[in-house]
C-alpha atoms as a PDB file:
ATOM      1  CA  MET A   1     187.601 145.847  98.854  1.00  0.00           C
ATOM      2  CA  LYS A   2     187.621 143.095  96.174  1.00  0.00           C
ATOM      3  CA  LYS A   3     186.463 145.491  93.584  1.00  0.00           C
ATOM      4  CA  ILE A   4     189.283 148.204  94.367  1.00  0.00           C
ATOM      5  CA  LEU A   5     191.829 145.165  94.736  1.00  0.00           C
ATOM      6  CA  LEU A   6     190.871 144.138  91.073  1.00  0.00           C
ATOM      7  CA  ILE A   7     191.229 147.426  89.895  1.00  0.00           C
ATOM      8  CA  PHE A   8     194.599 148.044  91.367  1.00  0.00           C
ATOM      9  CA  ILE A   9     195.942 144.710  89.978  1.00  0.00           C
ATOM     10  CA  VAL A  10     194.451 145.832  86.163  1.00  0.00           C
ATOM     11  CA  PHE A  11     196.035 148.925  86.611  1.00  0.00           C
ATOM     12  CA  ALA A  12     199.464 147.373  87.940  1.00  0.00           C
ATOM     13  CA  LEU A  13     199.447 144.893  85.173  1.00  0.00           C
ATOM     14  CA  ALA A  14     198.664 147.517  82.215  1.00  0.00           C
ATOM     15  CA  PHE A  15     201.896 149.627  83.913  1.00  0.00           C
ATOM     16  CA  VAL A  16     203.926 146.458  83.565  1.00  0.00           C
ATOM     17  CA  LEU A  17     202.977 146.054  79.970  1.00  0.00           C
ATOM     18  CA  ILE A  18     203.559 149.816  79.046  1.00  0.00           C
ATOM     19  CA  ALA A  19     207.119 149.555  80.694  1.00  0.00           C
ATOM     20  CA  CYS A  20     208.112 146.248  78.788  1.00  0.00           C
ATOM     21  CA  GLU A  21     206.820 147.945  75.597  1.00  0.00           C
ATOM     22  CA  ASP A  22     208.713 151.053  76.415  1.00  0.00           C
ATOM     23  CA  LYS A  23     211.987 148.829  77.179  1.00  0.00           C
ATOM     24  CA  GLU A  24     211.651 147.097  73.920  1.00  0.00           C
ATOM     25  CA  THR A  25     211.349 150.068  71.865  1.00  0.00           C
ATOM     26  CA  ASN A  26     214.388 151.746  73.844  1.00  0.00           C
ATOM     27  CA  THR A  27     216.373 148.646  72.644  1.00  0.00           C
ATOM     28  CA  GLY A  28     215.952 149.318  69.143  1.00  0.00           C
ATOM     29  CA  ASN A  29     213.593 146.470  68.683  1.00  0.00           C
ATOM     30  CA  THR A  30     211.561 148.205  66.037  1.00  0.00           C
ATOM     31  CA  GLY A  31     212.478 146.131  62.639  1.00  0.00           C
ATOM     32  CA  THR A  32     214.554 148.808  61.216  1.00  0.00           C
ATOM     33  CA  GLY A  33     217.863 147.431  62.468  1.00  0.00           C
ATOM     34  CA  VAL A  34     218.946 150.961  64.150  1.00  0.00           C
ATOM     35  CA  VAL A  35     220.734 150.714  67.015  1.00  0.00           C
ATOM     36  CA  PRO A  36     219.393 152.440  70.163  1.00  0.00           C
ATOM     37  CA  ILE A  37     220.214 156.068  70.440  1.00  0.00           C
ATOM     38  CA  PRO A  38     221.435 156.676  73.925  1.00  0.00           C
ATOM     39  CA  ASP A  39     219.745 159.130  76.429  1.00  0.00           C
ATOM     40  CA  ASP A  40     221.467 162.807  75.713  1.00  0.00           C
ATOM     41  CA  THR A  41     220.356 163.949  79.375  1.00  0.00           C
ATOM     42  CA  PHE A  42     223.721 162.731  81.049  1.00  0.00           C
ATOM     43  CA  CYS A  43     227.268 163.455  80.458  1.00  0.00           C
ATOM     44  CA  LYS A  44     229.338 161.087  78.569  1.00  0.00           C
ATOM     45  CA  ASP A  45     232.395 159.539  79.931  1.00  0.00           C
ATOM     46  CA  ILE A  46     235.114 161.186  77.895  1.00  0.00           C
ATOM     47  CA  ASN A  47     238.632 159.349  77.998  1.00  0.00           C
ATOM     48  CA  SER A  48     241.377 161.731  78.655  1.00  0.00           C
ATOM     49  CA  ASP A  49     243.476 159.032  80.496  1.00  0.00           C
ATOM     50  CA  TYR A  50     246.247 159.319  78.174  1.00  0.00           C
ATOM     51  CA  ASN A  51     249.787 161.011  77.891  1.00  0.00           C
ATOM     52  CA  TYR A  52     249.524 163.163  74.521  1.00  0.00           C
ATOM     53  CA  GLU A  53     253.197 163.865  74.498  1.00  0.00           C
ATOM     54  CA  THR A  54     254.269 160.328  74.626  1.00  0.00           C
ATOM     55  CA  LEU A  55     251.924 158.867  72.021  1.00  0.00           C
ATOM     56  CA  ASP A  56     253.678 156.157  69.998  1.00  0.00           C
ATOM     57  CA  TYR A  57     251.763 155.944  66.474  1.00  0.00           C
ATOM     58  CA  GLN A  58     252.573 152.851  64.534  1.00  0.00           C
ATOM     59  CA  LEU A  59     251.516 152.597  61.000  1.00  0.00           C
ATOM     60  CA  VAL A  60     248.473 149.954  61.082  1.00  0.00           C
ATOM     61  CA  TRP A  61     247.076 150.316  57.423  1.00  0.00           C
ATOM     62  CA  SER A  62     247.913 152.049  54.149  1.00  0.00           C
ATOM     63  CA  ASP A  63     247.557 152.236  50.519  1.00  0.00           C
ATOM     64  CA  GLU A  64     250.341 153.514  48.610  1.00  0.00           C
ATOM     65  CA  PHE A  65     248.218 152.776  45.350  1.00  0.00           C
ATOM     66  CA  ASN A  66     251.244 150.967  43.586  1.00  0.00           C
ATOM     67  CA  GLY A  67     250.603 148.409  40.872  1.00  0.00           C
ATOM     68  CA  ASP A  68     248.052 149.054  37.878  1.00  0.00           C
ATOM     69  CA  GLU A  69     244.672 148.126  39.817  1.00  0.00           C
ATOM     70  CA  LEU A  70     242.720 149.077  42.762  1.00  0.00           C
ATOM     71  CA  ASN A  71     243.051 146.964  46.059  1.00  0.00           C
ATOM     72  CA  MET A  72     239.453 146.005  46.514  1.00  0.00           C
ATOM     73  CA  SER A  73     240.324 144.759  49.899  1.00  0.00           C
ATOM     74  CA  ASN A  74     240.480 148.242  50.837  1.00  0.00           C
ATOM     75  CA  TRP A  75     237.985 150.051  48.787  1.00  0.00           C
ATOM     76  CA  LYS A  76     234.396 149.872  47.202  1.00  0.00           C
ATOM     77  CA  HIS A  77     232.876 152.195  44.962  1.00  0.00           C
ATOM     78  CA  GLU A  78     229.196 153.877  46.021  1.00  0.00           C
ATOM     79  CA  ILE A  79     227.306 154.266  42.925  1.00  0.00           C
ATOM     80  CA  GLY A  80     224.299 156.852  42.046  1.00  0.00           C
ATOM     81  CA  GLY A  81     223.356 159.895  40.647  1.00  0.00           C
ATOM     82  CA  SER A  82     220.446 161.092  42.834  1.00  0.00           C
ATOM     83  CA  GLY A  83     222.295 164.270  43.986  1.00  0.00           C
ATOM     84  CA  TRP A  84     223.678 162.705  47.119  1.00  0.00           C
ATOM     85  CA  GLY A  85     221.846 165.009  49.489  1.00  0.00           C
ATOM     86  CA  ASN A  86     223.693 168.234  48.020  1.00  0.00           C
ATOM     87  CA  ASN A  87     222.111 168.515  44.894  1.00  0.00           C
ATOM     88  CA  GLU A  88     225.483 167.378  43.152  1.00  0.00           C
ATOM     89  CA  LEU A  89     225.536 166.613  39.337  1.00  0.00           C
ATOM     90  CA  GLN A  90     227.781 163.894  38.809  1.00  0.00           C
ATOM     91  CA  TYR A  91     226.825 160.138  38.477  1.00  0.00           C
ATOM     92  CA  TYR A  92     229.334 157.990  40.619  1.00  0.00           C
ATOM     93  CA  THR A  93     230.423 154.745  38.582  1.00  0.00           C
ATOM     94  CA  ASP A  94     232.840 151.875  39.211  1.00  0.00           C
ATOM     95  CA  ARG A  95     234.156 152.170  35.826  1.00  0.00           C
ATOM     96  CA  SER A  96     237.846 152.470  35.182  1.00  0.00           C
ATOM     97  CA  ASP A  97     237.274 155.689  33.200  1.00  0.00           C
ATOM     98  CA  ASN A  98     236.404 157.607  36.653  1.00  0.00           C
ATOM     99  CA  SER A  99     238.696 155.794  39.087  1.00  0.00           C
ATOM    100  CA  TYR A 100     242.050 153.987  38.342  1.00  0.00           C
ATOM    101  CA  VAL A 101     245.337 153.444  39.790  1.00  0.00           C
ATOM    102  CA  GLN A 102     248.410 154.572  37.604  1.00  0.00           C
ATOM    103  CA  ASN A 103     252.099 155.574  38.222  1.00  0.00           C
ATOM    104  CA  GLY A 104     251.853 155.176  42.229  1.00  0.00           C
ATOM    105  CA  SER A 105     248.626 157.235  42.631  1.00  0.00           C
ATOM    106  CA  LEU A 106     244.981 156.711  42.748  1.00  0.00           C
ATOM    107  CA  PHE A 107     243.036 158.834  40.157  1.00  0.00           C
ATOM    108  CA  ILE A 108     239.410 159.938  40.407  1.00  0.00           C
ATOM    109  CA  LYS A 109     238.358 161.556  37.170  1.00  0.00           C
ATOM    110  CA  LEU A 110     235.375 163.780  36.419  1.00  0.00           C
ATOM    111  CA  ILE A 111     233.850 163.566  32.954  1.00  0.00           C
ATOM    112  CA  LYS A 112     231.439 165.675  31.177  1.00  0.00           C
ATOM    113  CA  GLU A 113     229.365 162.910  29.611  1.00  0.00           C
ATOM    114  CA  SER A 114     225.351 161.879  29.508  1.00  0.00           C
ATOM    115  CA  TYR A 115     225.238 158.823  31.666  1.00  0.00           C
ATOM    116  CA  GLU A 116     222.256 157.431  33.575  1.00  0.00           C
ATOM    117  CA  ASP A 117     220.451 160.809  33.077  1.00  0.00           C
ATOM    118  CA  ASN A 118     223.216 162.839  34.430  1.00  0.00           C
ATOM    119  CA  ASN A 119     225.433 165.180  32.503  1.00  0.00           C
ATOM    120  CA  TYR A 120     228.830 164.351  34.561  1.00  0.00           C
ATOM    121  CA  THR A 121     230.376 161.164  35.825  1.00  0.00           C
ATOM    122  CA  SER A 122     232.969 160.681  38.652  1.00  0.00           C
ATOM    123  CA  ALA A 123     233.859 158.068  41.221  1.00  0.00           C
ATOM    124  CA  ARG A 124     233.289 157.842  45.196  1.00  0.00           C
ATOM    125  CA  LEU A 125     235.732 155.296  47.221  1.00  0.00           C
ATOM    126  CA  VAL A 126     234.932 154.287  50.604  1.00  0.00           C
ATOM    127  CA  SER A 127     236.509 151.929  53.177  1.00  0.00           C
ATOM    128  CA  LYS A 128     233.343 150.980  54.810  1.00  0.00           C
ATOM    129  CA  ASP A 129     233.145 147.377  56.376  1.00  0.00           C
ATOM    130  CA  LEU A 130     236.785 146.809  54.840  1.00  0.00           C
ATOM    131  CA  GLN A 131     238.903 149.242  56.835  1.00  0.00           C
ATOM    132  CA  ASP A 132     237.181 151.023  59.749  1.00  0.00           C
ATOM    133  CA  PHE A 133     239.006 152.915  62.619  1.00  0.00           C
ATOM    134  CA  LYS A 134     238.393 154.540  65.989  1.00  0.00           C
ATOM    135  CA  TYR A 135     241.174 157.156  66.940  1.00  0.00           C
ATOM    136  CA  GLY A 136     244.453 157.563  65.395  1.00  0.00           C
ATOM    137  CA  LYS A 137     246.472 159.724  62.894  1.00  0.00           C
ATOM    138  CA  PHE A 138     245.236 159.846  59.269  1.00  0.00           C
ATOM    139  CA  GLU A 139     247.435 161.010  56.401  1.00  0.00           C
ATOM    140  CA  ILE A 140     246.573 161.608  52.829  1.00  0.00           C
ATOM    141  CA  SER A 141     248.800 163.133  50.119  1.00  0.00           C
ATOM    142  CA  ALA A 142     246.712 164.514  47.338  1.00  0.00           C
ATOM    143  CA  LYS A 143     246.751 167.293  44.179  1.00  0.00           C
ATOM    144  CA  LEU A 144     243.337 168.854  44.001  1.00  0.00           C
ATOM    145  CA  PRO A 145     241.612 169.699  40.457  1.00  0.00           C
ATOM    146  CA  ARG A 146     240.945 173.170  39.254  1.00  0.00           C
ATOM    147  CA  GLY A 147     237.551 173.917  37.721  1.00  0.00           C
ATOM    148  CA  LYS A 148     234.662 175.817  38.797  1.00  0.00           C
ATOM    149  CA  GLY A 149     232.138 173.571  40.098  1.00  0.00           C
ATOM    150  CA  THR A 150     234.593 170.870  41.221  1.00  0.00           C
ATOM    151  CA  TRP A 151     234.096 169.777  45.019  1.00  0.00           C
ATOM    152  CA  PRO A 152     236.816 166.973  46.060  1.00  0.00           C
ATOM    153  CA  ALA A 153     236.830 165.790  49.631  1.00  0.00           C
ATOM    154  CA  ILE A 154     238.828 163.571  52.040  1.00  0.00           C
ATOM    155  CA  TRP A 155     236.587 162.596  54.972  1.00  0.00           C
ATOM    156  CA  MET A 156     234.891 160.322  57.183  1.00  0.00           C
ATOM    157  CA  MET A 157     231.705 158.905  58.266  1.00  0.00           C
ATOM    158  CA  PRO A 158     230.452 156.520  60.781  1.00  0.00           C
ATOM    159  CA  THR A 159     230.265 152.775  60.221  1.00  0.00           C
ATOM    160  CA  SER A 160     227.109 152.364  62.198  1.00  0.00           C
ATOM    161  CA  SER A 161     224.638 155.473  62.790  1.00  0.00           C
ATOM    162  CA  TYR A 162     224.893 154.604  66.443  1.00  0.00           C
ATOM    163  CA  TYR A 163     223.756 157.837  67.767  1.00  0.00           C
ATOM    164  CA  GLY A 164     220.924 158.201  64.908  1.00  0.00           C
ATOM    165  CA  VAL A 165     220.901 159.574  61.362  1.00  0.00           C
ATOM    166  CA  TRP A 166     223.047 162.438  59.833  1.00  0.00           C
ATOM    167  CA  PRO A 167     224.295 164.656  61.514  1.00  0.00           C
ATOM    168  CA  ASN A 168     223.790 163.174  64.938  1.00  0.00           C
ATOM    169  CA  SER A 169     226.505 160.295  64.746  1.00  0.00           C
ATOM    170  CA  GLY A 170     229.091 162.723  63.180  1.00  0.00           C
ATOM    171  CA  GLU A 171     231.099 163.873  60.029  1.00  0.00           C
ATOM    172  CA  ILE A 172     234.823 164.498  59.730  1.00  0.00           C
ATOM    173  CA  ASP A 173     235.839 166.494  56.913  1.00  0.00           C
ATOM    174  CA  ILE A 174     239.621 166.248  56.607  1.00  0.00           C
ATOM    175  CA  MET A 175     239.624 168.162  53.516  1.00  0.00           C
ATOM    176  CA  GLU A 176     237.188 169.857  51.367  1.00  0.00           C
ATOM    177  CA  HIS A 177     237.782 172.245  48.538  1.00  0.00           C
ATOM    178  CA  VAL A 178     235.338 174.181  46.018  1.00  0.00           C
ATOM    179  CA  GLY A 179     236.888 174.976  42.644  1.00  0.00           C
ATOM    180  CA  TYR A 180     235.083 178.709  42.722  1.00  0.00           C
ATOM    181  CA  ASP A 181     237.296 179.403  45.638  1.00  0.00           C
ATOM    182  CA  PHE A 182     240.332 177.758  44.403  1.00  0.00           C
ATOM    183  CA  GLY A 183     243.195 177.735  47.028  1.00  0.00           C
ATOM    184  CA  ASN A 184     241.126 177.759  50.354  1.00  0.00           C
ATOM    185  CA  VAL A 185     241.305 174.313  51.825  1.00  0.00           C
ATOM    186  CA  HIS A 186     238.499 173.564  54.728  1.00  0.00           C
ATOM    187  CA  HIS A 187     238.400 171.203  57.623  1.00  0.00           C
ATOM    188  CA  SER A 188     235.272 170.796  59.445  1.00  0.00           C
ATOM    189  CA  ILE A 189     232.996 168.560  61.917  1.00  0.00           C
ATOM    190  CA  HIS A 190     229.379 167.872  62.089  1.00  0.00           C
ATOM    191  CA  THR A 191     227.399 166.577  64.780  1.00  0.00           C
ATOM    192  CA  GLU A 192     223.900 166.955  66.117  1.00  0.00           C
ATOM    193  CA  PHE A 193     224.634 170.474  67.849  1.00  0.00           C
ATOM    194  CA  PHE A 194     227.221 171.430  65.388  1.00  0.00           C
ATOM    195  CA  ASN A 195     226.147 171.325  61.757  1.00  0.00           C
ATOM    196  CA  HIS A 196     225.760 173.542  58.660  1.00  0.00           C
ATOM    197  CA  PRO A 197     221.958 173.610  58.144  1.00  0.00           C
ATOM    198  CA  LEU A 198     222.265 175.165  61.549  1.00  0.00           C
ATOM    199  CA  ASN A 199     224.982 177.391  60.816  1.00  0.00           C
ATOM    200  CA  THR A 200     226.738 176.160  63.828  1.00  0.00           C
ATOM    201  CA  GLN A 201     229.554 173.804  62.061  1.00  0.00           C
ATOM    202  CA  LYS A 202     232.930 173.778  63.527  1.00  0.00           C
ATOM    203  CA  SER A 203     235.647 174.422  60.926  1.00  0.00           C
ATOM    204  CA  GLY A 204     238.897 175.987  59.926  1.00  0.00           C
ATOM    205  CA  SER A 205     240.445 177.141  56.407  1.00  0.00           C
ATOM    206  CA  ASP A 206     243.572 178.335  55.277  1.00  0.00           C
ATOM    207  CA  TYR A 207     244.777 179.178  51.439  1.00  0.00           C
ATOM    208  CA  TYR A 208     247.474 177.774  49.461  1.00  0.00           C
ATOM    209  CA  GLU A 209     248.396 178.746  45.623  1.00  0.00           C
ATOM    210  CA  ASN A 210     249.584 175.114  44.249  1.00  0.00           C
ATOM    211  CA  LEU A 211     246.978 172.619  45.155  1.00  0.00           C
ATOM    212  CA  ASP A 212     246.597 171.203  41.936  1.00  0.00           C
ATOM    213  CA  THR A 213     250.431 171.172  40.998  1.00  0.00           C
ATOM    214  CA  ILE A 214     252.286 169.615  43.756  1.00  0.00           C
ATOM    215  CA  PHE A 215     251.113 167.165  46.810  1.00  0.00           C
ATOM    216  CA  HIS A 216     250.052 168.497  49.944  1.00  0.00           C
ATOM    217  CA  LYS A 217     249.559 166.037  53.147  1.00  0.00           C
ATOM    218  CA  TYR A 218     246.210 166.401  54.642  1.00  0.00           C
ATOM    219  CA  SER A 219     245.797 164.890  58.164  1.00  0.00           C
ATOM    220  CA  LEU A 220     243.762 164.171  60.918  1.00  0.00           C
ATOM    221  CA  GLU A 221     244.649 163.501  64.547  1.00  0.00           C
ATOM    222  CA  TRP A 222     241.662 162.033  66.373  1.00  0.00           C
ATOM    223  CA  LEU A 223     242.196 161.290  69.970  1.00  0.00           C
ATOM    224  CA  PRO A 224     239.494 160.408  72.351  1.00  0.00           C
ATOM    225  CA  ASP A 225     238.788 163.825  73.443  1.00  0.00           C
ATOM    226  CA  LYS A 226     239.853 166.102  70.400  1.00  0.00           C
ATOM    227  CA  LEU A 227     239.827 166.305  66.705  1.00  0.00           C
ATOM    228  CA  MET A 228     243.335 168.103  64.967  1.00  0.00           C
ATOM    229  CA  PHE A 229     243.490 169.191  61.453  1.00  0.00           C
ATOM    230  CA  TYR A 230     246.731 169.715  59.421  1.00  0.00           C
ATOM    231  CA  VAL A 231     248.214 170.651  56.023  1.00  0.00           C
ATOM    232  CA  ASP A 232     251.794 169.665  55.560  1.00  0.00           C
ATOM    233  CA  ASP A 233     252.336 168.847  59.380  1.00  0.00           C
ATOM    234  CA  GLN A 234     251.151 172.592  60.267  1.00  0.00           C
ATOM    235  CA  ILE A 235     247.888 172.591  62.605  1.00  0.00           C
ATOM    236  CA  LYS A 236     245.156 174.525  61.068  1.00  0.00           C
ATOM    237  CA  PHE A 237     241.972 173.540  63.034  1.00  0.00           C
ATOM    238  CA  THR A 238     241.280 172.171  66.501  1.00  0.00           C
ATOM    239  CA  TYR A 239     238.061 170.626  67.805  1.00  0.00           C
ATOM    240  CA  ASP A 240     238.599 170.347  71.673  1.00  0.00           C
ATOM    241  CA  VAL A 241     235.425 168.473  73.555  1.00  0.00           C
ATOM    242  CA  ASN A 242     237.367 169.185  76.946  1.00  0.00           C
ATOM    243  CA  ALA A 243     235.634 172.957  76.284  1.00  0.00           C
ATOM    244  CA  TYR A 244     232.173 171.666  77.674  1.00  0.00           C
ATOM    245  CA  ASP A 245     231.729 171.187  81.183  1.00  0.00           C
ATOM    246  CA  CYS A 246     229.032 168.261  80.354  1.00  0.00           C
ATOM    247  CA  VAL A 247     229.767 166.596  77.095  1.00  0.00           C
ATOM    248  CA  LYS A 248     226.796 165.029  75.244  1.00  0.00           C
ATOM    249  CA  LYS A 249     226.530 162.891  72.568  1.00  0.00           C
ATOM    250  CA  GLY A 250     225.358 165.981  70.480  1.00  0.00           C
ATOM    251  CA  HIS A 251     229.014 167.328  71.200  1.00  0.00           C
ATOM    252  CA  TRP A 252     230.870 164.474  70.580  1.00  0.00           C
ATOM    253  CA  PRO A 253     229.784 161.195  68.799  1.00  0.00           C
ATOM    254  CA  PHE A 254     233.302 160.587  67.723  1.00  0.00           C
ATOM    255  CA  ASP A 255     233.958 157.587  69.948  1.00  0.00           C
ATOM    256  CA  LYS A 256     232.684 154.868  67.318  1.00  0.00           C
ATOM    257  CA  ASP A 257     234.243 153.517  64.216  1.00  0.00           C
ATOM    258  CA  PHE A 258     234.338 155.552  61.230  1.00  0.00           C
ATOM    259  CA  PHE A 259     235.317 154.882  57.588  1.00  0.00           C
ATOM    260  CA  VAL A 260     237.243 156.949  54.857  1.00  0.00           C
ATOM    261  CA  ILE A 261     235.853 158.302  51.839  1.00  0.00           C
ATOM    262  CA  LEU A 262     237.658 160.092  48.958  1.00  0.00           C
ATOM    263  CA  ASN A 263     235.490 161.494  46.375  1.00  0.00           C
ATOM    264  CA  LEU A 264     235.230 164.345  43.606  1.00  0.00           C
ATOM    265  CA  ALA A 265     231.552 165.867  43.268  1.00  0.00           C
ATOM    266  CA  PHE A 266     230.578 168.619  40.748  1.00  0.00           C
ATOM    267  CA  GLY A 267     227.957 171.194  41.397  1.00  0.00           C
ATOM    268  CA  GLY A 268     225.659 170.763  44.487  1.00  0.00           C
ATOM    269  CA  PHE A 269     224.915 173.002  47.172  1.00  0.00           C
ATOM    270  CA  TRP A 270     228.497 174.252  47.848  1.00  0.00           C
ATOM    271  CA  GLY A 271     230.549 172.965  44.843  1.00  0.00           C
ATOM    272  CA  GLY A 272     227.919 174.940  42.548  1.00  0.00           C
ATOM    273  CA  ALA A 273     227.070 177.803  44.842  1.00  0.00           C
ATOM    274  CA  GLN A 274     228.546 180.546  42.327  1.00  0.00           C
ATOM    275  CA  GLY A 275     227.521 178.309  39.217  1.00  0.00           C
ATOM    276  CA  ILE A 276     229.837 175.716  37.410  1.00  0.00           C
ATOM    277  CA  ASP A 277     231.994 175.802  34.463  1.00  0.00           C
ATOM    278  CA  SER A 278     229.841 174.170  31.608  1.00  0.00           C
ATOM    279  CA  SER A 279     232.802 173.989  29.212  1.00  0.00           C
ATOM    280  CA  LEU A 280     234.913 171.961  31.775  1.00  0.00           C
ATOM    281  CA  THR A 281     235.029 168.340  30.127  1.00  0.00           C
ATOM    282  CA  GLU A 282     237.148 166.647  32.826  1.00  0.00           C
ATOM    283  CA  ALA A 283     238.821 167.121  36.021  1.00  0.00           C
ATOM    284  CA  THR A 284     241.284 164.971  38.111  1.00  0.00           C
ATOM    285  CA  PHE A 285     241.541 164.288  41.739  1.00  0.00           C
ATOM    286  CA  GLU A 286     245.074 162.663  42.411  1.00  0.00           C
ATOM    287  CA  ILE A 287     245.936 160.772  45.587  1.00  0.00           C
ATOM    288  CA  ASP A 288     249.518 159.664  46.187  1.00  0.00           C
ATOM    289  CA  TYR A 289     248.523 157.396  49.569  1.00  0.00           C
ATOM    290  CA  VAL A 290     246.330 156.930  52.455  1.00  0.00           C
ATOM    291  CA  ARG A 291     247.888 156.039  55.673  1.00  0.00           C
ATOM    292  CA  VAL A 292     246.544 155.427  59.217  1.00  0.00           C
ATOM    293  CA  TYR A 293     248.617 155.478  62.531  1.00  0.00           C
ATOM    294  CA  GLN A 294     247.330 154.240  65.795  1.00  0.00           C
ATOM    295  CA  ASP A 295     248.562 154.326  69.263  1.00  0.00           C
ATOM    296  CA  ASP A 296     248.152 151.171  71.394  1.00  0.00           C
ATOM    297  CA  SER A 297     246.604 153.010  74.407  1.00  0.00           C
ATOM    298  CA  PHE A 298     243.623 153.764  72.446  1.00  0.00           C
ATOM    299  CA  ASN A 299     242.719 150.110  71.901  1.00  0.00           C
END
């Protein structure tokens, strides 16, 4: 009897130790600094307790790009030239040759030149850890570059990979354009369930003739249960998570802080899908302003 009791105690202790170890692992205590990924077994609690018709948006942040210098309290440069996960050809710098403020606009300039083992330079500006947002209306006025191989983008990424590495924590593409298909503006979202490697991404697009000669306003309205994309105040694409009876993190990781990205890439899996114009020596992505509006009910 004592022997049986001793065996039972040993097994009980082993169970407690295993349970404690699992609990510690699930809290993200792995030394990586990664936030734990919530279990996707259960339906998420989506906040739809707002009156869409009475939203009172107020300007909470903007950059009008006045003056003659980039406001470094709003932006920082991401630097490098390793392809950026898309086999891109440019090296992103923080040089004033590639990004500068002039005449009330931000200019991101692609230059054909030999630099750090790359044949092109450009810039990628992010608001991460400086200006991060959850929900609201985002408006960006811009002129897009011409040139086969150019790939300008206005987009958002999560400040923290709360739900795991890309695409699990989400991506919001407010505007993307590829030079070989000039005129077609694309809007899309990426999540664990919906992303381009699986060919399941959710997206919309429309055609415009004068993207490079006049400013167009590219907008995102990000609500607790839907994402709506506009060009010049005309709605072009909506992703509404209410379409799913049981909303999981794979459907909707868009309940955490995101930051804004402005960049001009060259080549890559999409930008260079039909080749590049090797005679192109420079191209410019001009941004007139970035404005963010929010409603108090989302706080």
